[in-house]
Amino acid sequence: MSKTVRVQEVVPYSLLARGYDRVMAYVDYSAWACYVHRLIQRFLPGASSLLELGCGTGSLALALQPMGPYRYHATDRSAAMLAVAREKAACSNSPVVFTEADFTNYRVAEPVDVVLLLFDGLNYVLEPEGICALLRSTHAALRPGGLFIFDQSTPANSLGREADFEDAGETEAFRYVRRSRYDPVRRLHTTLFELEIGGQRYRERHVQRAYTQREIEALLKTQAFQIEAAYDNFSYRPATETSERIHWVVRRIS
């Protein structure tokens, strides 16, 4: 009889953090930083203070901060991800400040020019009420006229190449198998990471909701934000319901 291997469920990113950069090595953070910097210069030239929500291991922050240079504060709810971010910042003598915070309910000591939430961060908020809470916190964090720049992954993306995905690999910290499945009825995209560390197996469950462009636009209209742009996938073309990724630029108007 084969031996049953017990898999322990753990909090998302608590173990993945140590190998996250290797798992996500295909992401071009420099290209992301250049695009975001251009958006800032287009819609708020002279912006100097940035707050990044859901910063992860800090790869975007470390690439974007010198482009201003910006006074840059980055937050994440995962202590494990922030530990990696701080190590990277120390190695590069970066002035970025990293702190722990939940981006659906946060406060700042003083208003900033720009708030960022990138890499599908919005999609991790599974209910519209949570997005409204995020928008309220962000409105309070911005100075009047300040920008909130964020992106979303859409149902078109989940129904396409990301619908049913599986891969495996190895980092210095663990071996992993990643499985991604999409429920088109509930519009929930679930990614399971099974990690093997020292002969033990662990599972992290990451769940996102695929919102439509119209849903996000409607939620923005409930708050005091003016929509400046909704761009299609790293371009300056207007987004549509067939866009797989939408980049939003919205402005606090009161």
C-alpha atoms as a PDB file:
ATOM      1  CA  MET A   1       0.000   0.000   0.000  1.00  0.00           C
ATOM      2  CA  SER A   2       1.381   3.387  -0.935  1.00  0.00           C
ATOM      3  CA  LYS A   3       2.013   5.847   1.834  1.00  0.00           C
ATOM      4  CA  THR A   4      -0.268   8.886   1.948  1.00  0.00           C
ATOM      5  CA  VAL A   5       1.720  12.106   2.012  1.00  0.00           C
ATOM      6  CA  ARG A   6       0.112  14.758   4.178  1.00  0.00           C
ATOM      7  CA  VAL A   7      -0.085  18.216   2.626  1.00  0.00           C
ATOM      8  CA  GLN A   8      -0.307  21.105   5.075  1.00  0.00           C
ATOM      9  CA  GLU A   9      -2.315  24.182   4.080  1.00  0.00           C
ATOM     10  CA  VAL A  10      -0.478  27.433   4.815  1.00  0.00           C
ATOM     11  CA  VAL A  11      -1.186  31.140   4.407  1.00  0.00           C
ATOM     12  CA  PRO A  12      -0.592  32.504   0.887  1.00  0.00           C
ATOM     13  CA  TYR A  13       2.964  33.808   0.362  1.00  0.00           C
ATOM     14  CA  SER A  14       4.140  32.631   3.800  1.00  0.00           C
ATOM     15  CA  LEU A  15       6.434  29.990   2.242  1.00  0.00           C
ATOM     16  CA  LEU A  16       6.322  31.008  -1.413  1.00  0.00           C
ATOM     17  CA  ALA A  17       8.073  34.277  -0.517  1.00  0.00           C
ATOM     18  CA  ARG A  18      11.549  32.714  -0.313  1.00  0.00           C
ATOM     19  CA  GLY A  19      11.397  31.477  -3.880  1.00  0.00           C
ATOM     20  CA  TYR A  20       8.930  33.974  -5.306  1.00  0.00           C
ATOM     21  CA  ASP A  21      11.413  35.906  -7.428  1.00  0.00           C
ATOM     22  CA  ARG A  22      12.612  32.695  -9.064  1.00  0.00           C
ATOM     23  CA  VAL A  23       9.057  31.494  -9.731  1.00  0.00           C
ATOM     24  CA  MET A  24       8.159  34.875 -11.263  1.00  0.00           C
ATOM     25  CA  ALA A  25      11.429  35.343 -13.151  1.00  0.00           C
ATOM     26  CA  TYR A  26       9.522  35.788 -16.420  1.00  0.00           C
ATOM     27  CA  VAL A  27       8.057  39.135 -15.259  1.00  0.00           C
ATOM     28  CA  ASP A  28       9.868  42.154 -16.736  1.00  0.00           C
ATOM     29  CA  TYR A  29       9.769  44.528 -13.770  1.00  0.00           C
ATOM     30  CA  SER A  30      11.865  47.121 -15.597  1.00  0.00           C
ATOM     31  CA  ALA A  31       9.259  47.302 -18.368  1.00  0.00           C
ATOM     32  CA  TRP A  32       6.477  47.616 -15.799  1.00  0.00           C
ATOM     33  CA  ALA A  33       8.378  50.399 -14.027  1.00  0.00           C
ATOM     34  CA  CYS A  34       8.971  52.298 -17.272  1.00  0.00           C
ATOM     35  CA  TYR A  35       5.294  52.098 -18.203  1.00  0.00           C
ATOM     36  CA  VAL A  36       4.109  53.263 -14.778  1.00  0.00           C
ATOM     37  CA  HIS A  37       6.671  56.087 -14.744  1.00  0.00           C
ATOM     38  CA  ARG A  38       5.398  57.276 -18.134  1.00  0.00           C
ATOM     39  CA  LEU A  39       1.821  57.231 -16.855  1.00  0.00           C
ATOM     40  CA  ILE A  40       2.822  59.350 -13.870  1.00  0.00           C
ATOM     41  CA  GLN A  41       4.672  61.830 -16.074  1.00  0.00           C
ATOM     42  CA  ARG A  42       1.723  62.026 -18.465  1.00  0.00           C
ATOM     43  CA  PHE A  43      -0.975  62.647 -15.870  1.00  0.00           C
ATOM     44  CA  LEU A  44       0.849  64.214 -12.912  1.00  0.00           C
ATOM     45  CA  PRO A  45       4.242  65.626 -13.950  1.00  0.00           C
ATOM     46  CA  GLY A  46       6.196  66.692 -10.912  1.00  0.00           C
ATOM     47  CA  ALA A  47       4.783  63.954  -8.676  1.00  0.00           C
ATOM     48  CA  SER A  48       7.329  63.138  -5.994  1.00  0.00           C
ATOM     49  CA  SER A  49       5.709  60.895  -3.367  1.00  0.00           C
ATOM     50  CA  LEU A  50       4.522  57.365  -4.123  1.00  0.00           C
ATOM     51  CA  LEU A  51       2.768  54.708  -2.082  1.00  0.00           C
ATOM     52  CA  GLU A  52       2.724  51.191  -3.505  1.00  0.00           C
ATOM     53  CA  LEU A  53       0.159  48.732  -2.164  1.00  0.00           C
ATOM     54  CA  GLY A  54       0.713  44.988  -2.420  1.00  0.00           C
ATOM     55  CA  CYS A  55       4.409  45.473  -3.165  1.00  0.00           C
ATOM     56  CA  GLY A  56       5.409  41.821  -2.710  1.00  0.00           C
ATOM     57  CA  THR A  57       9.175  41.336  -2.676  1.00  0.00           C
ATOM     58  CA  GLY A  58       9.762  44.921  -3.793  1.00  0.00           C
ATOM     59  CA  SER A  59      10.950  44.295  -7.342  1.00  0.00           C
ATOM     60  CA  LEU A  60       8.831  47.065  -8.865  1.00  0.00           C
ATOM     61  CA  ALA A  61       9.648  49.519  -6.081  1.00  0.00           C
ATOM     62  CA  LEU A  62      13.387  49.033  -6.514  1.00  0.00           C
ATOM     63  CA  ALA A  63      13.085  49.535 -10.291  1.00  0.00           C
ATOM     64  CA  LEU A  64      10.680  52.506 -10.207  1.00  0.00           C
ATOM     65  CA  GLN A  65      11.982  54.583  -7.283  1.00  0.00           C
ATOM     66  CA  PRO A  66      15.169  55.838  -9.005  1.00  0.00           C
ATOM     67  CA  MET A  67      13.230  56.957 -12.101  1.00  0.00           C
ATOM     68  CA  GLY A  68      11.778  59.964 -10.227  1.00  0.00           C
ATOM     69  CA  PRO A  69      13.577  59.781  -8.029  1.00  0.00           C
ATOM     70  CA  TYR A  70      10.525  59.326  -5.832  1.00  0.00           C
ATOM     71  CA  ARG A  71       9.953  59.358  -2.103  1.00  0.00           C
ATOM     72  CA  TYR A  72       8.677  55.813  -2.084  1.00  0.00           C
ATOM     73  CA  HIS A  73       6.742  53.927   0.584  1.00  0.00           C
ATOM     74  CA  ALA A  74       5.738  50.324  -0.172  1.00  0.00           C
ATOM     75  CA  THR A  75       3.354  48.098   1.775  1.00  0.00           C
ATOM     76  CA  ASP A  76       2.221  44.478   1.761  1.00  0.00           C
ATOM     77  CA  ARG A  77       0.163  42.324   4.106  1.00  0.00           C
ATOM     78  CA  SER A  78       2.683  39.433   3.953  1.00  0.00           C
ATOM     79  CA  ALA A  79       5.492  39.714   6.488  1.00  0.00           C
ATOM     80  CA  ALA A  80       7.416  37.011   4.618  1.00  0.00           C
ATOM     81  CA  MET A  81       7.321  38.916   1.324  1.00  0.00           C
ATOM     82  CA  LEU A  82       8.348  42.134   3.084  1.00  0.00           C
ATOM     83  CA  ALA A  83      11.322  40.393   4.691  1.00  0.00           C
ATOM     84  CA  VAL A  84      12.630  39.541   1.220  1.00  0.00           C
ATOM     85  CA  ALA A  85      11.908  43.077  -0.001  1.00  0.00           C
ATOM     86  CA  ARG A  86      13.882  44.615   2.856  1.00  0.00           C
ATOM     87  CA  GLU A  87      16.831  42.314   2.203  1.00  0.00           C
ATOM     88  CA  LYS A  88      16.879  43.353  -1.465  1.00  0.00           C
ATOM     89  CA  ALA A  89      16.595  47.042  -0.553  1.00  0.00           C
ATOM     90  CA  ALA A  90      19.473  46.763   1.905  1.00  0.00           C
ATOM     91  CA  CYS A  91      21.676  45.074  -0.703  1.00  0.00           C
ATOM     92  CA  SER A  92      21.029  47.877  -3.198  1.00  0.00           C
ATOM     93  CA  ASN A  93      21.107  50.746  -0.664  1.00  0.00           C
ATOM     94  CA  SER A  94      17.591  51.699  -1.736  1.00  0.00           C
ATOM     95  CA  PRO A  95      15.721  54.385   0.240  1.00  0.00           C
ATOM     96  CA  VAL A  96      12.348  52.646  -0.259  1.00  0.00           C
ATOM     97  CA  VAL A  97      10.525  52.173   3.055  1.00  0.00           C
ATOM     98  CA  PHE A  98       8.632  48.882   3.447  1.00  0.00           C
ATOM     99  CA  THR A  99       5.836  48.392   5.992  1.00  0.00           C
ATOM    100  CA  GLU A 100       3.114  45.826   6.644  1.00  0.00           C
ATOM    101  CA  ALA A 101      -0.477  46.841   5.845  1.00  0.00           C
ATOM    102  CA  ASP A 102      -3.747  45.507   4.440  1.00  0.00           C
ATOM    103  CA  PHE A 103      -4.531  47.574   1.363  1.00  0.00           C
ATOM    104  CA  THR A 104      -8.304  47.362   1.811  1.00  0.00           C
ATOM    105  CA  ASN A 105      -8.047  49.278   5.093  1.00  0.00           C
ATOM    106  CA  TYR A 106      -5.019  51.493   5.602  1.00  0.00           C
ATOM    107  CA  ARG A 107      -3.992  54.998   6.630  1.00  0.00           C
ATOM    108  CA  VAL A 108      -1.026  57.213   5.849  1.00  0.00           C
ATOM    109  CA  ALA A 109       0.744  59.795   7.999  1.00  0.00           C
ATOM    110  CA  GLU A 110       0.483  62.402   5.245  1.00  0.00           C
ATOM    111  CA  PRO A 111      -1.150  62.433   1.783  1.00  0.00           C
ATOM    112  CA  VAL A 112       0.868  61.295  -1.229  1.00  0.00           C
ATOM    113  CA  ASP A 113       0.863  62.222  -4.911  1.00  0.00           C
ATOM    114  CA  VAL A 114       0.391  58.720  -6.325  1.00  0.00           C
ATOM    115  CA  VAL A 115      -0.894  55.387  -5.027  1.00  0.00           C
ATOM    116  CA  LEU A 116      -0.095  52.206  -6.975  1.00  0.00           C
ATOM    117  CA  LEU A 117      -1.699  48.758  -6.901  1.00  0.00           C
ATOM    118  CA  LEU A 118      -0.309  46.529  -9.639  1.00  0.00           C
ATOM    119  CA  PHE A 119       0.187  42.895 -10.736  1.00  0.00           C
ATOM    120  CA  ASP A 120      -3.473  41.865 -10.305  1.00  0.00           C
ATOM    121  CA  GLY A 121      -3.554  43.134  -6.722  1.00  0.00           C
ATOM    122  CA  LEU A 122      -7.105  44.370  -7.199  1.00  0.00           C
ATOM    123  CA  ASN A 123      -8.222  40.895  -8.278  1.00  0.00           C
ATOM    124  CA  TYR A 124      -7.324  39.495  -4.856  1.00  0.00           C
ATOM    125  CA  VAL A 125     -10.228  41.520  -3.439  1.00  0.00           C
ATOM    126  CA  LEU A 126     -13.027  39.000  -3.896  1.00  0.00           C
ATOM    127  CA  GLU A 127     -16.067  41.162  -3.126  1.00  0.00           C
ATOM    128  CA  PRO A 128     -17.129  44.602  -4.419  1.00  0.00           C
ATOM    129  CA  GLU A 129     -17.438  45.819  -0.820  1.00  0.00           C
ATOM    130  CA  GLY A 130     -13.722  45.204  -0.391  1.00  0.00           C
ATOM    131  CA  ILE A 131     -12.928  47.274  -3.467  1.00  0.00           C
ATOM    132  CA  CYS A 132     -15.075  50.103  -2.104  1.00  0.00           C
ATOM    133  CA  ALA A 133     -13.087  49.944   1.147  1.00  0.00           C
ATOM    134  CA  LEU A 134      -9.849  50.047  -0.860  1.00  0.00           C
ATOM    135  CA  LEU A 135     -11.078  53.088  -2.789  1.00  0.00           C
ATOM    136  CA  ARG A 136     -12.065  54.905   0.404  1.00  0.00           C
ATOM    137  CA  SER A 137      -8.663  54.275   1.996  1.00  0.00           C
ATOM    138  CA  THR A 138      -6.894  55.348  -1.187  1.00  0.00           C
ATOM    139  CA  HIS A 139      -8.982  58.514  -1.540  1.00  0.00           C
ATOM    140  CA  ALA A 140      -7.953  59.487   1.987  1.00  0.00           C
ATOM    141  CA  ALA A 141      -4.298  58.667   1.253  1.00  0.00           C
ATOM    142  CA  LEU A 142      -4.093  60.925  -1.817  1.00  0.00           C
ATOM    143  CA  ARG A 143      -3.757  64.667  -1.900  1.00  0.00           C
ATOM    144  CA  PRO A 144      -6.470  66.418  -3.963  1.00  0.00           C
ATOM    145  CA  GLY A 145      -5.580  65.893  -7.616  1.00  0.00           C
ATOM    146  CA  GLY A 146      -3.441  62.858  -6.813  1.00  0.00           C
ATOM    147  CA  LEU A 147      -3.496  59.686  -8.884  1.00  0.00           C
ATOM    148  CA  PHE A 148      -4.461  56.101  -8.194  1.00  0.00           C
ATOM    149  CA  ILE A 149      -2.847  53.835 -10.804  1.00  0.00           C
ATOM    150  CA  PHE A 150      -3.864  50.191 -10.784  1.00  0.00           C
ATOM    151  CA  ASP A 151      -4.440  47.281 -13.105  1.00  0.00           C
ATOM    152  CA  GLN A 152      -6.872  44.408 -13.344  1.00  0.00           C
ATOM    153  CA  SER A 153      -6.876  41.005 -14.961  1.00  0.00           C
ATOM    154  CA  THR A 154     -10.170  40.449 -16.789  1.00  0.00           C
ATOM    155  CA  PRO A 155     -12.390  37.448 -17.612  1.00  0.00           C
ATOM    156  CA  ALA A 156     -10.914  37.537 -21.126  1.00  0.00           C
ATOM    157  CA  ASN A 157      -7.509  36.742 -19.634  1.00  0.00           C
ATOM    158  CA  SER A 158      -8.806  33.953 -17.416  1.00  0.00           C
ATOM    159  CA  LEU A 159     -10.819  32.402 -20.237  1.00  0.00           C
ATOM    160  CA  GLY A 160      -7.789  32.468 -22.513  1.00  0.00           C
ATOM    161  CA  ARG A 161      -4.239  31.366 -21.875  1.00  0.00           C
ATOM    162  CA  GLU A 162      -4.548  31.444 -18.067  1.00  0.00           C
ATOM    163  CA  ALA A 163      -7.656  29.231 -17.792  1.00  0.00           C
ATOM    164  CA  ASP A 164      -6.044  25.849 -17.046  1.00  0.00           C
ATOM    165  CA  PHE A 165      -2.342  26.093 -16.403  1.00  0.00           C
ATOM    166  CA  GLU A 166       0.166  23.787 -14.765  1.00  0.00           C
ATOM    167  CA  ASP A 167       3.914  23.895 -14.351  1.00  0.00           C
ATOM    168  CA  ALA A 168       6.626  22.751 -11.971  1.00  0.00           C
ATOM    169  CA  GLY A 169      10.055  23.926 -10.979  1.00  0.00           C
ATOM    170  CA  GLU A 170      12.650  24.297  -8.273  1.00  0.00           C
ATOM    171  CA  THR A 171      14.138  27.219  -6.373  1.00  0.00           C
ATOM    172  CA  GLU A 172      16.836  27.350  -3.707  1.00  0.00           C
ATOM    173  CA  ALA A 173      14.064  27.272  -1.092  1.00  0.00           C
ATOM    174  CA  PHE A 174      11.675  24.603  -2.406  1.00  0.00           C
ATOM    175  CA  ARG A 175      10.368  22.468  -5.219  1.00  0.00           C
ATOM    176  CA  TYR A 176       6.945  23.430  -6.471  1.00  0.00           C
ATOM    177  CA  VAL A 177       4.006  22.455  -8.634  1.00  0.00           C
ATOM    178  CA  ARG A 178       1.659  25.242  -9.703  1.00  0.00           C
ATOM    179  CA  ARG A 179      -1.888  24.505 -10.901  1.00  0.00           C
ATOM    180  CA  SER A 180      -4.311  27.177 -12.075  1.00  0.00           C
ATOM    181  CA  ARG A 181      -8.040  26.688 -12.690  1.00  0.00           C
ATOM    182  CA  TYR A 182     -10.788  29.137 -13.635  1.00  0.00           C
ATOM    183  CA  ASP A 183     -14.479  28.919 -12.737  1.00  0.00           C
ATOM    184  CA  PRO A 184     -16.254  31.000 -15.424  1.00  0.00           C
ATOM    185  CA  VAL A 185     -19.573  30.976 -13.570  1.00  0.00           C
ATOM    186  CA  ARG A 186     -18.243  32.451 -10.317  1.00  0.00           C
ATOM    187  CA  ARG A 187     -15.380  34.153 -12.168  1.00  0.00           C
ATOM    188  CA  LEU A 188     -12.927  32.890  -9.568  1.00  0.00           C
ATOM    189  CA  HIS A 189      -9.396  32.019 -10.617  1.00  0.00           C
ATOM    190  CA  THR A 190      -7.653  29.662  -8.187  1.00  0.00           C
ATOM    191  CA  THR A 191      -3.936  28.926  -8.255  1.00  0.00           C
ATOM    192  CA  LEU A 192      -2.546  26.188  -6.016  1.00  0.00           C
ATOM    193  CA  PHE A 193       1.144  26.078  -5.153  1.00  0.00           C
ATOM    194  CA  GLU A 194       2.295  22.745  -3.741  1.00  0.00           C
ATOM    195  CA  LEU A 195       5.701  23.257  -2.149  1.00  0.00           C
ATOM    196  CA  GLU A 196       8.150  20.602  -0.985  1.00  0.00           C
ATOM    197  CA  ILE A 197      10.555  21.742   1.723  1.00  0.00           C
ATOM    198  CA  GLY A 198      12.808  19.302   3.565  1.00  0.00           C
ATOM    199  CA  GLY A 199      10.620  16.331   2.705  1.00  0.00           C
ATOM    200  CA  GLN A 200       7.456  18.087   3.893  1.00  0.00           C
ATOM    201  CA  ARG A 201       4.695  19.209   1.544  1.00  0.00           C
ATOM    202  CA  TYR A 202       2.708  22.422   1.850  1.00  0.00           C
ATOM    203  CA  ARG A 203      -0.059  24.043  -0.152  1.00  0.00           C
ATOM    204  CA  GLU A 204      -0.815  27.714  -0.709  1.00  0.00           C
ATOM    205  CA  ARG A 205      -4.173  28.620  -2.243  1.00  0.00           C
ATOM    206  CA  HIS A 206      -4.343  31.925  -4.134  1.00  0.00           C
ATOM    207  CA  VAL A 207      -7.789  33.085  -5.292  1.00  0.00           C
ATOM    208  CA  GLN A 208      -8.624  36.035  -7.547  1.00  0.00           C
ATOM    209  CA  ARG A 209     -11.882  37.357  -8.963  1.00  0.00           C
ATOM    210  CA  ALA A 210     -11.987  38.384 -12.622  1.00  0.00           C
ATOM    211  CA  TYR A 211     -13.872  41.696 -12.722  1.00  0.00           C
ATOM    212  CA  THR A 212     -15.143  43.275 -15.925  1.00  0.00           C
ATOM    213  CA  GLN A 213     -14.237  46.783 -17.014  1.00  0.00           C
ATOM    214  CA  ARG A 214     -17.817  47.926 -16.451  1.00  0.00           C
ATOM    215  CA  GLU A 215     -17.835  46.591 -12.897  1.00  0.00           C
ATOM    216  CA  ILE A 216     -14.692  48.501 -11.951  1.00  0.00           C
ATOM    217  CA  GLU A 217     -15.927  51.657 -13.660  1.00  0.00           C
ATOM    218  CA  ALA A 218     -19.193  51.462 -11.712  1.00  0.00           C
ATOM    219  CA  LEU A 219     -17.337  51.050  -8.410  1.00  0.00           C
ATOM    220  CA  LEU A 220     -15.081  54.012  -9.182  1.00  0.00           C
ATOM    221  CA  LYS A 221     -18.142  56.172  -9.767  1.00  0.00           C
ATOM    222  CA  THR A 222     -19.315  55.506  -6.200  1.00  0.00           C
ATOM    223  CA  GLN A 223     -16.231  57.345  -4.922  1.00  0.00           C
ATOM    224  CA  ALA A 224     -14.821  60.815  -5.623  1.00  0.00           C
ATOM    225  CA  PHE A 225     -12.503  59.722  -8.429  1.00  0.00           C
ATOM    226  CA  GLN A 226     -12.311  60.958 -11.994  1.00  0.00           C
ATOM    227  CA  ILE A 227     -11.331  58.347 -14.578  1.00  0.00           C
ATOM    228  CA  GLU A 228      -8.433  59.726 -16.611  1.00  0.00           C
ATOM    229  CA  ALA A 229      -7.643  56.587 -18.600  1.00  0.00           C
ATOM    230  CA  ALA A 230      -8.301  52.871 -18.924  1.00  0.00           C
ATOM    231  CA  TYR A 231      -5.626  51.441 -21.200  1.00  0.00           C
ATOM    232  CA  ASP A 232      -5.309  48.087 -22.889  1.00  0.00           C
ATOM    233  CA  ASN A 233      -2.320  45.970 -21.820  1.00  0.00           C
ATOM    234  CA  PHE A 234       0.754  48.233 -21.611  1.00  0.00           C
ATOM    235  CA  SER A 235      -0.444  50.567 -24.354  1.00  0.00           C
ATOM    236  CA  TYR A 236      -2.230  53.892 -24.712  1.00  0.00           C
ATOM    237  CA  ARG A 237      -5.156  52.331 -26.553  1.00  0.00           C
ATOM    238  CA  PRO A 238      -8.536  52.521 -24.818  1.00  0.00           C
ATOM    239  CA  ALA A 239      -9.414  49.276 -23.066  1.00  0.00           C
ATOM    240  CA  THR A 240     -12.444  47.247 -24.101  1.00  0.00           C
ATOM    241  CA  GLU A 241     -14.315  44.279 -22.672  1.00  0.00           C
ATOM    242  CA  THR A 242     -11.991  42.033 -24.697  1.00  0.00           C
ATOM    243  CA  SER A 243      -8.846  43.452 -23.057  1.00  0.00           C
ATOM    244  CA  GLU A 244      -6.975  40.871 -20.989  1.00  0.00           C
ATOM    245  CA  ARG A 245      -5.342  43.460 -18.734  1.00  0.00           C
ATOM    246  CA  ILE A 246      -6.560  46.995 -18.091  1.00  0.00           C
ATOM    247  CA  HIS A 247      -4.406  49.773 -16.651  1.00  0.00           C
ATOM    248  CA  TRP A 248      -6.453  52.425 -14.864  1.00  0.00           C
ATOM    249  CA  VAL A 249      -5.426  55.988 -14.063  1.00  0.00           C
ATOM    250  CA  VAL A 250      -7.920  57.774 -11.814  1.00  0.00           C
ATOM    251  CA  ARG A 251      -7.670  61.107 -10.022  1.00  0.00           C
ATOM    252  CA  ARG A 252      -8.929  62.250  -6.628  1.00  0.00           C
ATOM    253  CA  ILE A 253     -11.215  65.179  -7.379  1.00  0.00           C
ATOM    254  CA  SER A 254     -12.213  66.348  -3.903  1.00  0.00           C
END
